Amino acid sequence: MSEHANLLKRHRAVMPSWMALNYSEPIEIVGGKGSRVTDAEGNGYLDFFTGILTNMLGYDVPEVREAVERQLATGVVHTSTAYLVRGQIELAEKVARLSGIPDAKVFFVNSGTEANETALLLAAYARRSDQVLALRQSYHGRSFGTAGVTGNRAWRNLPYSPLNAHFLHGADRHLPQFAGMSDEAYVDACVHDLRHVLATATGGDVAALITEPIQGVGGFTMPPEGLLAAYKSVLDEAGILFISDEVQTGWGRTGENFWGIGNHGVTPDMMTFAKGLGNGFTIGGVVARGDLMDGLHALGISTFGGNPVSMAAANATLDYVLDHDLRANAAKQGGTLIGGLRSAAGRFPVVGDVRGKGLMFAIELVDPGTGEPSPPLAAALMEAARERGLLIGKGGLYGNVVRMAPPMTLTDAEAAEGLGVLIASLEAVNGEAVHGEAGS
C-alpha cells in the first residue's frame, strides 16, 4: 500500500466522513518553498490554491519564519487577551489604519467563521435585531450562526438558525430572469428586489447585510461593480449596517484595491478577515467602527485570538505585503493568467466562463453538449492539473467551478508555467468530453 493510501485509510477510520478531501487519491503535503510544495511520495507541485487562499506569501518565507522564531525564543507562545500583547496592539494599529473605517477598533479571533460570528453579534446587538441580509450563493462559515447566513445548501446542515436570514440577488447573473441584462439593468433589478424584500419579508429593523465582494466557495462569482454601493444607499436609509466579508478578498489579492469592497466605492461599518494574514498561522478578526465594537455590555475575551506567535507571523506577513507592493504583483500576474485563460477558452466547449480579479480566478466547467454545469468535468480538470504538477481548488454552487488563488509572490515564470499547465489540462479534459469519455 502506498504512503498516501495508508494515510487515507487511517484518516477515514478516525475523521468525519463529511471532511472534504481533494482528488480521487488524496495527498499529504510535507514540504514547501516559495510557490512549490512536495507530497509524502516525493512529487512536486506548483501550488495555485495555497491552503485555501491562506499561504498568501507562499511557503517558508524567511521574514515570517524569523519573526515566529524570535517570538518562540522568548518562551512565550500564549498569554491570552487578559494581558497586554504588544504584537496584537501593533497589528491592530495597522489594520485599523488600512481599513479606512472611521475610529476603527479591531478584535482578533481564530478563523473566518469566528470573525463573521463576531461581526454578526455586534450588528445584532447594535440593532437589537436577529434579521440579517446576505447574498445567494454566499458562504460565511461552518458554525451555527454563520451557516444560517450562508446561501448555499451544500454547506448548510440545518433548516433553522439563530439568525433570521433573507437572501438577495447579486452574484446570480446566470439565472434566466437576468439573461442579457446590462450591468446597469441588473443592478437596478437587484436594488428593486432589495426594497421589496425589506417591505415584505422583514419585520422591522434589520441588523445588517453581510456579503463577500467576491464569493469564495461560491466559485469566485461576484456582483457587478457598484451594486454593493447601490445596496448600501438603501441600507443607509434604514440604518442597516454593512459587513464586508474580506476573509478571501483582503490584503490586495484582487489586484485593484487593498480590500475587495474597494471596487464598489464603499466604506463598510465592519470588515472581517482571516486566512492570508497569518500566512498559514491561525488568525481571524473584525475591524469595525469604534462605537459598534465598544457597544457590547457583557465582558468578552478570545483565549487564543491574537496569540503572540500568530501576531508575529501576521505582522511580518502584512509588512511584507506592503513593502513588496504585492497588490500590484497580483494585478500583473492575474492579468497574465486570466487573460491567457480567456484567450484559450474559445477552443474548449467545456469552459462555460473564466472570471476573477487579480490572483483570485476561476474556470467554470459545463457539459459541451448542453451547457449545463458539470461537476465531473471540474473534478477531471483538478486531476489533470495535479498529474501535470499543479494544485488547484474547487467550488461553485453546483460544484462545477475550478478556482485558483496562487501566492501573491508569484513570479512571471511561475505564472507562465501555471497557465501552460492549465491550458494543457483543459485540452485533455475537453478532448475526453467531446469524444464522450467524460460525463456531465
Protein backbone atom coordinates (compact mmCIF):
# COMPACT_ATOMS: atom_id res chain seq x y z
CA MET A 1 0.00 0.00 0.00
CA SER A 2 1.33 3.44 -0.93
CA GLU A 3 2.11 6.04 1.72
CA HIS A 4 -0.90 8.13 0.72
CA ALA A 5 -3.26 5.16 0.55
CA ASN A 6 -2.22 4.04 4.03
CA LEU A 7 -2.71 7.52 5.45
CA LEU A 8 -6.12 7.82 3.78
CA LYS A 9 -7.21 4.55 5.38
CA ARG A 10 -6.21 5.84 8.80
CA HIS A 11 -7.91 9.19 8.11
CA ARG A 12 -11.22 7.56 7.25
CA ALA A 13 -11.14 5.47 10.41
CA VAL A 14 -10.95 8.43 12.79
CA MET A 15 -12.02 11.60 10.92
CA PRO A 16 -15.59 12.63 9.97
CA SER A 17 -16.89 11.45 6.60
CA TRP A 18 -18.02 14.99 5.75
CA MET A 19 -14.45 16.36 5.75
CA ALA A 20 -13.88 17.04 2.07
CA LEU A 21 -10.61 15.83 0.53
CA ASN A 22 -9.22 16.86 -2.84
CA TYR A 23 -8.53 14.28 -5.53
CA SER A 24 -9.57 10.66 -6.04
CA GLU A 25 -6.28 9.72 -4.35
CA PRO A 26 -5.70 12.43 -1.69
CA ILE A 27 -2.17 13.57 -0.96
CA GLU A 28 -0.23 14.76 2.09
CA ILE A 29 1.90 17.88 1.66
CA VAL A 30 5.11 17.54 3.65
CA GLY A 31 7.39 20.29 2.31
CA GLY A 32 7.21 23.70 0.70
CA LYS A 33 9.31 26.58 -0.55
CA GLY A 34 8.02 29.67 -2.30
CA SER A 35 5.14 28.69 -4.58
CA ARG A 36 6.02 24.99 -4.63
CA VAL A 37 5.20 22.04 -2.39
CA THR A 38 6.21 18.38 -2.13
CA ASP A 39 3.97 15.48 -1.17
CA ALA A 40 4.76 12.46 1.02
CA GLU A 41 5.70 10.36 -2.00
CA GLY A 42 8.19 12.89 -3.32
CA ASN A 43 6.07 14.52 -6.04
CA GLY A 44 6.50 18.25 -6.54
CA TYR A 45 3.77 20.74 -7.42
CA LEU A 46 3.24 24.40 -8.20
CA ASP A 47 0.56 25.44 -5.69
CA PHE A 48 -2.27 27.57 -7.08
CA PHE A 49 -4.61 27.12 -4.11
CA THR A 50 -2.29 27.84 -1.15
CA GLY A 51 -4.20 26.05 1.60
CA ILE A 52 -7.48 27.67 0.51
CA LEU A 53 -6.04 31.17 -0.01
CA THR A 54 -4.14 31.02 3.29
CA ASN A 55 -0.42 30.77 2.43
CA MET A 56 -0.58 34.22 0.90
CA LEU A 57 3.19 34.66 0.58
CA GLY A 58 3.87 31.02 -0.24
CA TYR A 59 5.94 28.64 1.87
CA ASP A 60 8.98 29.08 4.11
CA VAL A 61 9.18 32.85 3.81
CA PRO A 62 12.30 33.94 5.75
CA GLU A 63 10.74 37.15 7.12
CA VAL A 64 7.76 35.26 8.55
CA ARG A 65 9.78 32.30 9.81
CA GLU A 66 12.31 34.56 11.54
CA ALA A 67 9.58 36.62 13.21
CA VAL A 68 7.98 33.46 14.56
CA GLU A 69 11.33 32.09 15.72
CA ARG A 70 12.08 35.31 17.60
CA GLN A 71 8.78 35.03 19.43
CA LEU A 72 9.33 31.33 20.20
CA ALA A 73 12.76 32.17 21.58
CA THR A 74 11.12 34.31 24.28
CA GLY A 75 9.41 31.19 25.64
CA VAL A 76 6.01 32.92 25.43
CA VAL A 77 3.67 31.30 22.92
CA HIS A 78 0.48 32.22 24.76
CA THR A 79 -0.76 34.66 27.40
CA SER A 80 -4.45 35.27 26.42
CA THR A 81 -6.18 38.59 25.98
CA ALA A 82 -6.21 39.03 29.77
CA TYR A 83 -2.73 40.53 29.33
CA LEU A 84 -1.36 43.21 27.05
CA VAL A 85 0.05 41.68 23.86
CA ARG A 86 2.41 44.05 22.06
CA GLY A 87 2.18 42.30 18.69
CA GLN A 88 -1.61 42.33 18.89
CA ILE A 89 -1.68 46.08 19.51
CA GLU A 90 0.79 46.74 16.69
CA LEU A 91 -1.20 44.65 14.22
CA ALA A 92 -4.49 46.24 15.28
CA GLU A 93 -3.00 49.68 14.67
CA LYS A 94 -2.02 48.67 11.13
CA VAL A 95 -5.34 47.02 10.29
CA ALA A 96 -7.36 49.93 11.69
CA ARG A 97 -5.34 52.40 9.61
CA LEU A 98 -5.63 50.35 6.43
CA SER A 99 -9.36 49.72 6.86
CA GLY A 100 -10.48 53.27 6.12
CA ILE A 101 -13.22 52.83 8.73
CA PRO A 102 -13.59 55.90 10.97
CA ASP A 103 -12.42 55.45 14.59
CA ALA A 104 -11.81 51.77 13.88
CA LYS A 105 -11.13 49.14 16.52
CA VAL A 106 -10.01 45.55 16.00
CA PHE A 107 -10.78 42.25 17.73
CA PHE A 108 -8.73 39.15 16.90
CA VAL A 109 -10.12 35.62 16.82
CA ASN A 110 -9.05 32.29 15.31
CA SER A 111 -10.77 31.94 11.94
CA GLY A 112 -13.02 33.50 9.34
CA THR A 113 -16.02 31.67 10.77
CA GLU A 114 -15.38 33.13 14.21
CA ALA A 115 -14.75 36.58 12.75
CA ASN A 116 -18.11 36.53 10.98
CA GLU A 117 -19.83 35.29 14.14
CA THR A 118 -18.36 38.26 16.00
CA ALA A 119 -19.43 40.77 13.36
CA LEU A 120 -22.96 39.35 13.32
CA LEU A 121 -23.09 39.58 17.13
CA LEU A 122 -22.00 43.22 17.01
CA ALA A 123 -24.64 44.02 14.38
CA ALA A 124 -27.46 42.13 16.09
CA TYR A 125 -26.66 43.81 19.41
CA ALA A 126 -26.39 47.31 17.94
CA ARG A 127 -29.65 47.00 16.03
CA ARG A 128 -31.49 44.82 18.58
CA SER A 129 -32.50 42.50 15.74
CA ASP A 130 -31.83 38.94 14.58
CA GLN A 131 -32.65 39.79 10.96
CA VAL A 132 -29.71 39.64 8.54
CA LEU A 133 -29.44 40.09 4.79
CA ALA A 134 -26.98 38.02 2.76
CA LEU A 135 -26.42 37.10 -0.88
CA ARG A 136 -27.47 33.91 -2.56
CA GLN A 137 -24.58 31.50 -3.22
CA SER A 138 -22.64 33.01 -0.30
CA TYR A 139 -20.50 31.20 2.27
CA HIS A 140 -19.65 32.75 5.64
CA GLY A 141 -18.61 29.78 7.81
CA ARG A 142 -19.50 26.39 9.22
CA SER A 143 -20.82 27.40 12.67
CA PHE A 144 -24.48 27.57 13.68
CA GLY A 145 -24.82 31.31 13.11
CA THR A 146 -22.64 31.71 10.00
CA ALA A 147 -24.20 28.68 8.30
CA GLY A 148 -27.53 30.42 8.79
CA VAL A 149 -26.42 33.31 6.57
CA THR A 150 -24.77 31.03 4.00
CA GLY A 151 -26.74 30.96 0.77
CA ASN A 152 -25.58 27.56 -0.48
CA ARG A 153 -27.48 24.43 0.54
CA ALA A 154 -24.42 22.21 0.16
CA TRP A 155 -22.89 23.94 3.20
CA ARG A 156 -25.96 24.09 5.46
CA ASN A 157 -26.86 21.19 7.73
CA LEU A 158 -30.00 22.59 9.38
CA PRO A 159 -33.06 24.46 8.12
CA TYR A 160 -33.09 26.72 11.18
CA SER A 161 -30.65 29.25 12.62
CA PRO A 162 -30.28 31.71 15.50
CA LEU A 163 -30.49 34.39 12.79
CA ASN A 164 -33.44 35.28 10.58
CA ALA A 165 -31.77 35.48 7.17
CA HIS A 166 -33.12 36.89 3.91
CA PHE A 167 -31.16 36.29 0.72
CA LEU A 168 -30.63 38.81 -2.06
CA HIS A 169 -29.57 38.65 -5.69
CA GLY A 170 -26.16 39.94 -6.64
CA ALA A 171 -23.96 37.16 -7.98
CA ASP A 172 -26.51 35.09 -9.92
CA ARG A 173 -26.41 36.57 -13.41
CA HIS A 174 -26.79 33.04 -14.83
CA LEU A 175 -30.48 32.90 -13.86
CA PRO A 176 -32.94 33.16 -16.78
CA GLN A 177 -34.66 36.28 -15.44
CA PHE A 178 -31.38 38.20 -15.74
CA ALA A 179 -30.30 36.85 -19.15
CA GLY A 180 -28.98 39.54 -21.46
CA MET A 181 -29.17 42.31 -18.87
CA SER A 182 -26.53 45.01 -18.82
CA ASP A 183 -24.74 45.65 -15.53
CA GLU A 184 -26.83 48.78 -15.06
CA ALA A 185 -30.11 46.93 -15.62
CA TYR A 186 -29.06 44.08 -13.32
CA VAL A 187 -28.07 46.50 -10.54
CA ASP A 188 -31.41 48.24 -10.91
CA ALA A 189 -33.31 44.94 -10.72
CA CYS A 190 -31.35 43.88 -7.63
CA VAL A 191 -31.99 47.18 -5.85
CA HIS A 192 -35.71 46.95 -6.56
CA ASP A 193 -35.64 43.40 -5.17
CA LEU A 194 -33.85 44.59 -2.02
CA ARG A 195 -36.53 47.21 -1.43
CA HIS A 196 -39.21 44.57 -1.97
CA VAL A 197 -37.53 42.17 0.48
CA LEU A 198 -37.36 44.92 3.09
CA ALA A 199 -41.02 45.75 2.53
CA THR A 200 -42.35 42.19 2.54
CA ALA A 201 -40.04 39.63 4.16
CA THR A 202 -38.63 41.56 7.10
CA GLY A 203 -40.40 42.62 10.24
CA GLY A 204 -38.90 45.86 11.40
CA ASP A 205 -35.27 46.75 11.97
CA VAL A 206 -32.77 44.64 10.04
CA ALA A 207 -29.36 44.26 11.68
CA ALA A 208 -27.01 44.09 8.71
CA LEU A 209 -26.12 42.98 5.23
CA ILE A 210 -23.13 40.63 5.17
CA THR A 211 -21.53 40.00 1.81
CA GLU A 212 -18.35 38.77 0.17
CA PRO A 213 -17.11 41.18 -2.53
CA ILE A 214 -16.13 38.03 -4.44
CA GLN A 215 -17.80 34.80 -3.34
CA GLY A 216 -15.16 32.24 -2.38
CA VAL A 217 -16.91 28.90 -2.01
CA GLY A 218 -19.47 30.25 -4.50
CA GLY A 219 -16.86 29.84 -7.22
CA PHE A 220 -15.47 33.40 -7.37
CA THR A 221 -18.78 34.77 -8.61
CA MET A 222 -19.17 38.46 -7.87
CA PRO A 223 -21.61 41.36 -8.04
CA PRO A 224 -21.03 43.89 -10.82
CA GLU A 225 -19.06 46.88 -9.60
CA GLY A 226 -21.32 49.43 -7.99
CA LEU A 227 -24.04 47.04 -6.87
CA LEU A 228 -22.91 46.97 -3.25
CA ALA A 229 -22.73 50.77 -3.20
CA ALA A 230 -26.30 50.86 -4.50
CA TYR A 231 -27.32 48.38 -1.82
CA LYS A 232 -25.61 50.47 0.87
CA SER A 233 -27.58 53.60 -0.16
CA VAL A 234 -30.80 51.68 0.52
CA LEU A 235 -29.45 50.25 3.77
CA ASP A 236 -28.38 53.70 4.97
CA GLU A 237 -31.96 54.93 4.64
CA ALA A 238 -32.96 52.46 7.36
CA GLY A 239 -29.75 52.48 9.43
CA ILE A 240 -28.92 48.88 8.43
CA LEU A 241 -25.25 48.04 8.94
CA PHE A 242 -22.93 46.78 6.20
CA ILE A 243 -20.41 43.96 6.84
CA SER A 244 -17.83 43.13 4.18
CA ASP A 245 -16.52 39.56 4.50
CA GLU A 246 -12.91 40.00 3.37
CA VAL A 247 -11.72 36.58 4.51
CA GLN A 248 -10.69 35.71 0.94
CA THR A 249 -10.55 39.10 -0.79
CA GLY A 250 -8.44 41.15 1.63
CA TRP A 251 -4.80 42.31 1.58
CA GLY A 252 -4.67 43.23 -2.12
CA ARG A 253 -5.39 39.82 -3.60
CA THR A 254 -7.85 41.19 -6.17
CA GLY A 255 -5.08 43.41 -7.56
CA GLU A 256 -7.20 46.53 -7.83
CA ASN A 257 -7.75 47.56 -4.21
CA PHE A 258 -6.40 46.56 -0.83
CA TRP A 259 -9.87 45.34 0.17
CA GLY A 260 -12.31 43.60 -2.15
CA ILE A 261 -15.04 46.08 -1.27
CA GLY A 262 -12.91 48.87 -2.74
CA ASN A 263 -14.18 48.07 -6.24
CA HIS A 264 -17.63 49.19 -5.12
CA GLY A 265 -16.55 52.51 -3.64
CA VAL A 266 -17.97 51.59 -0.24
CA THR A 267 -16.60 52.00 3.27
CA PRO A 268 -18.38 49.34 5.33
CA ASP A 269 -19.28 49.56 9.00
CA MET A 270 -17.31 46.36 9.65
CA MET A 271 -14.92 44.07 7.82
CA THR A 272 -13.96 40.52 8.71
CA PHE A 273 -10.63 38.95 7.80
CA ALA A 274 -8.61 35.74 8.30
CA LYS A 275 -6.74 33.27 6.07
CA GLY A 276 -3.86 35.01 4.28
CA LEU A 277 -2.96 37.49 7.00
CA GLY A 278 -1.19 34.82 9.06
CA ASN A 279 0.40 33.12 6.02
CA GLY A 280 -0.58 29.77 7.49
CA PHE A 281 -0.72 30.70 11.17
CA THR A 282 -4.14 30.78 12.80
CA ILE A 283 -5.76 34.19 12.72
CA GLY A 284 -9.07 35.94 12.16
CA GLY A 285 -10.55 39.23 13.16
CA VAL A 286 -13.07 42.04 12.86
CA VAL A 287 -12.33 45.69 12.23
CA ALA A 288 -15.32 47.90 12.95
CA ARG A 289 -16.40 51.39 13.89
CA GLY A 290 -15.39 52.04 17.46
CA ASP A 291 -18.94 52.63 18.65
CA LEU A 292 -20.01 49.23 17.32
CA MET A 293 -17.00 47.41 18.78
CA ASP A 294 -17.39 49.10 22.16
CA GLY A 295 -21.17 48.67 22.21
CA LEU A 296 -21.39 45.24 23.85
CA HIS A 297 -22.22 45.40 27.58
CA ALA A 298 -21.00 41.90 28.54
CA LEU A 299 -17.35 41.00 29.09
CA GLY A 300 -15.52 39.17 26.34
CA ILE A 301 -12.18 37.53 25.62
CA SER A 302 -10.63 35.32 22.97
CA THR A 303 -8.41 32.73 24.61
CA PHE A 304 -6.28 32.04 21.55
CA GLY A 305 -7.25 35.03 19.38
CA GLY A 306 -4.30 37.35 18.95
CA ASN A 307 -1.78 34.96 20.49
CA PRO A 308 1.85 36.17 20.33
CA VAL A 309 3.05 33.63 17.76
CA SER A 310 0.22 34.31 15.30
CA MET A 311 0.69 38.03 15.82
CA ALA A 312 4.39 37.75 15.00
CA ALA A 313 3.56 35.89 11.78
CA ALA A 314 0.75 38.28 10.83
CA ASN A 315 2.77 41.45 11.44
CA ALA A 316 5.59 40.07 9.31
CA THR A 317 3.16 38.98 6.59
CA LEU A 318 1.37 42.31 6.41
CA ASP A 319 4.66 44.22 6.39
CA TYR A 320 5.87 42.01 3.53
CA VAL A 321 2.69 42.63 1.51
CA LEU A 322 3.08 46.38 1.89
CA ASP A 323 6.86 46.58 1.49
CA HIS A 324 6.81 44.50 -1.72
CA ASP A 325 3.61 46.01 -3.15
CA LEU A 326 2.07 42.57 -3.65
CA ARG A 327 -1.23 44.13 -4.66
CA ALA A 328 0.48 45.37 -7.83
CA ASN A 329 2.02 41.95 -8.40
CA ALA A 330 -1.41 40.33 -8.01
CA ALA A 331 -2.76 42.68 -10.68
CA LYS A 332 0.14 41.91 -13.02
CA GLN A 333 0.19 38.11 -12.66
CA GLY A 334 -3.60 37.91 -12.55
CA GLY A 335 -3.74 39.81 -15.85
CA THR A 336 -1.42 37.23 -17.41
CA LEU A 337 -3.36 34.24 -16.09
CA ILE A 338 -6.93 35.48 -16.57
CA GLY A 339 -6.11 36.98 -19.95
CA GLY A 340 -4.41 33.79 -21.11
CA LEU A 341 -7.28 31.59 -19.97
CA ARG A 342 -9.87 33.81 -21.64
CA SER A 343 -7.91 33.78 -24.88
CA ALA A 344 -7.77 29.97 -24.84
CA ALA A 345 -11.32 29.38 -23.59
CA GLY A 346 -12.95 29.69 -27.01
CA ARG A 347 -11.21 26.48 -28.11
CA PHE A 348 -12.80 24.48 -25.32
CA PRO A 349 -16.57 23.84 -25.30
CA VAL A 350 -16.23 22.56 -21.71
CA VAL A 351 -15.41 26.09 -20.50
CA GLY A 352 -18.55 27.98 -19.56
CA ASP A 353 -16.80 31.01 -18.08
CA VAL A 354 -13.45 32.39 -16.96
CA ARG A 355 -13.75 35.02 -14.23
CA GLY A 356 -11.84 36.68 -11.43
CA LYS A 357 -9.74 39.61 -10.33
CA GLY A 358 -6.04 39.60 -9.64
CA LEU A 359 -4.81 36.34 -8.17
CA MET A 360 -8.33 35.11 -7.49
CA PHE A 361 -9.74 33.49 -10.61
CA ALA A 362 -11.85 30.55 -11.72
CA ILE A 363 -12.91 28.35 -14.64
CA GLU A 364 -16.50 27.16 -14.84
CA LEU A 365 -16.91 23.71 -16.41
CA VAL A 366 -20.03 22.78 -18.41
CA ASP A 367 -21.27 19.86 -20.45
CA PRO A 368 -20.12 20.60 -24.03
CA GLY A 369 -23.45 19.41 -25.46
CA THR A 370 -25.97 21.00 -23.13
CA GLY A 371 -24.08 23.84 -21.46
CA GLU A 372 -25.27 22.57 -18.07
CA PRO A 373 -22.95 22.69 -15.02
CA SER A 374 -20.64 19.65 -14.92
CA PRO A 375 -19.10 18.74 -11.55
CA PRO A 376 -17.40 15.65 -13.04
CA LEU A 377 -15.53 17.81 -15.55
CA ALA A 378 -14.38 20.12 -12.77
CA ALA A 379 -13.09 17.10 -10.86
CA ALA A 380 -11.41 15.83 -14.05
CA LEU A 381 -9.67 19.19 -14.56
CA MET A 382 -8.37 19.10 -10.99
CA GLU A 383 -6.97 15.60 -11.55
CA ALA A 384 -5.46 16.54 -14.92
CA ALA A 385 -3.72 19.58 -13.41
CA ARG A 386 -2.39 17.58 -10.46
CA GLU A 387 -0.98 14.95 -12.82
CA ARG A 388 0.88 17.76 -14.58
CA GLY A 389 2.21 19.22 -11.32
CA LEU A 390 -0.32 21.93 -10.43
CA LEU A 391 -2.60 22.08 -7.37
CA ILE A 392 -5.93 23.90 -7.75
CA GLY A 393 -9.24 24.05 -5.86
CA LYS A 394 -12.94 23.57 -6.49
CA GLY A 395 -16.19 25.35 -5.62
CA GLY A 396 -19.32 26.86 -7.10
CA LEU A 397 -22.99 26.47 -6.26
CA TYR A 398 -23.15 23.38 -8.47
CA GLY A 399 -19.63 22.12 -7.71
CA ASN A 400 -18.53 22.72 -11.31
CA VAL A 401 -16.00 25.53 -10.80
CA VAL A 402 -12.24 25.17 -10.52
CA ARG A 403 -10.87 28.10 -8.53
CA MET A 404 -7.32 29.32 -8.07
CA ALA A 405 -5.51 31.73 -5.76
CA PRO A 406 -1.72 31.42 -6.15
CA PRO A 407 0.69 33.05 -3.70
CA MET A 408 0.76 36.81 -4.15
CA THR A 409 4.54 36.47 -4.58
CA LEU A 410 4.02 34.52 -7.83
CA THR A 411 6.73 35.26 -10.42
CA ASP A 412 6.39 35.85 -14.15
CA ALA A 413 7.89 32.42 -14.85
CA GLU A 414 5.54 30.67 -12.40
CA ALA A 415 2.51 32.43 -13.86
CA ALA A 416 3.52 31.32 -17.36
CA GLU A 417 4.17 27.77 -16.14
CA GLY A 418 0.82 27.54 -14.38
CA LEU A 419 -1.03 28.94 -17.38
CA GLY A 420 0.63 26.35 -19.60
CA VAL A 421 -0.42 23.51 -17.30
CA LEU A 422 -3.99 24.80 -17.10
CA ILE A 423 -4.32 25.04 -20.87
CA ALA A 424 -2.80 21.58 -21.38
CA SER A 425 -5.17 20.17 -18.75
CA LEU A 426 -8.15 21.82 -20.41
CA GLU A 427 -7.12 20.34 -23.74
CA ALA A 428 -7.06 16.87 -22.19
CA VAL A 429 -10.38 17.21 -20.38
CA ASN A 430 -12.07 18.85 -23.34
CA GLY A 431 -10.85 16.11 -25.68
CA GLU A 432 -12.27 13.40 -23.45
CA ALA A 433 -15.58 15.20 -23.00
CA VAL A 434 -16.10 15.93 -26.70
CA HIS A 435 -15.40 12.29 -27.54
CA GLY A 436 -17.86 11.07 -24.91
CA GLU A 437 -15.30 9.81 -22.41
CA ALA A 438 -16.25 12.26 -19.61
CA GLY A 439 -19.75 12.75 -18.31
CA SER A 440 -21.77 15.79 -17.34
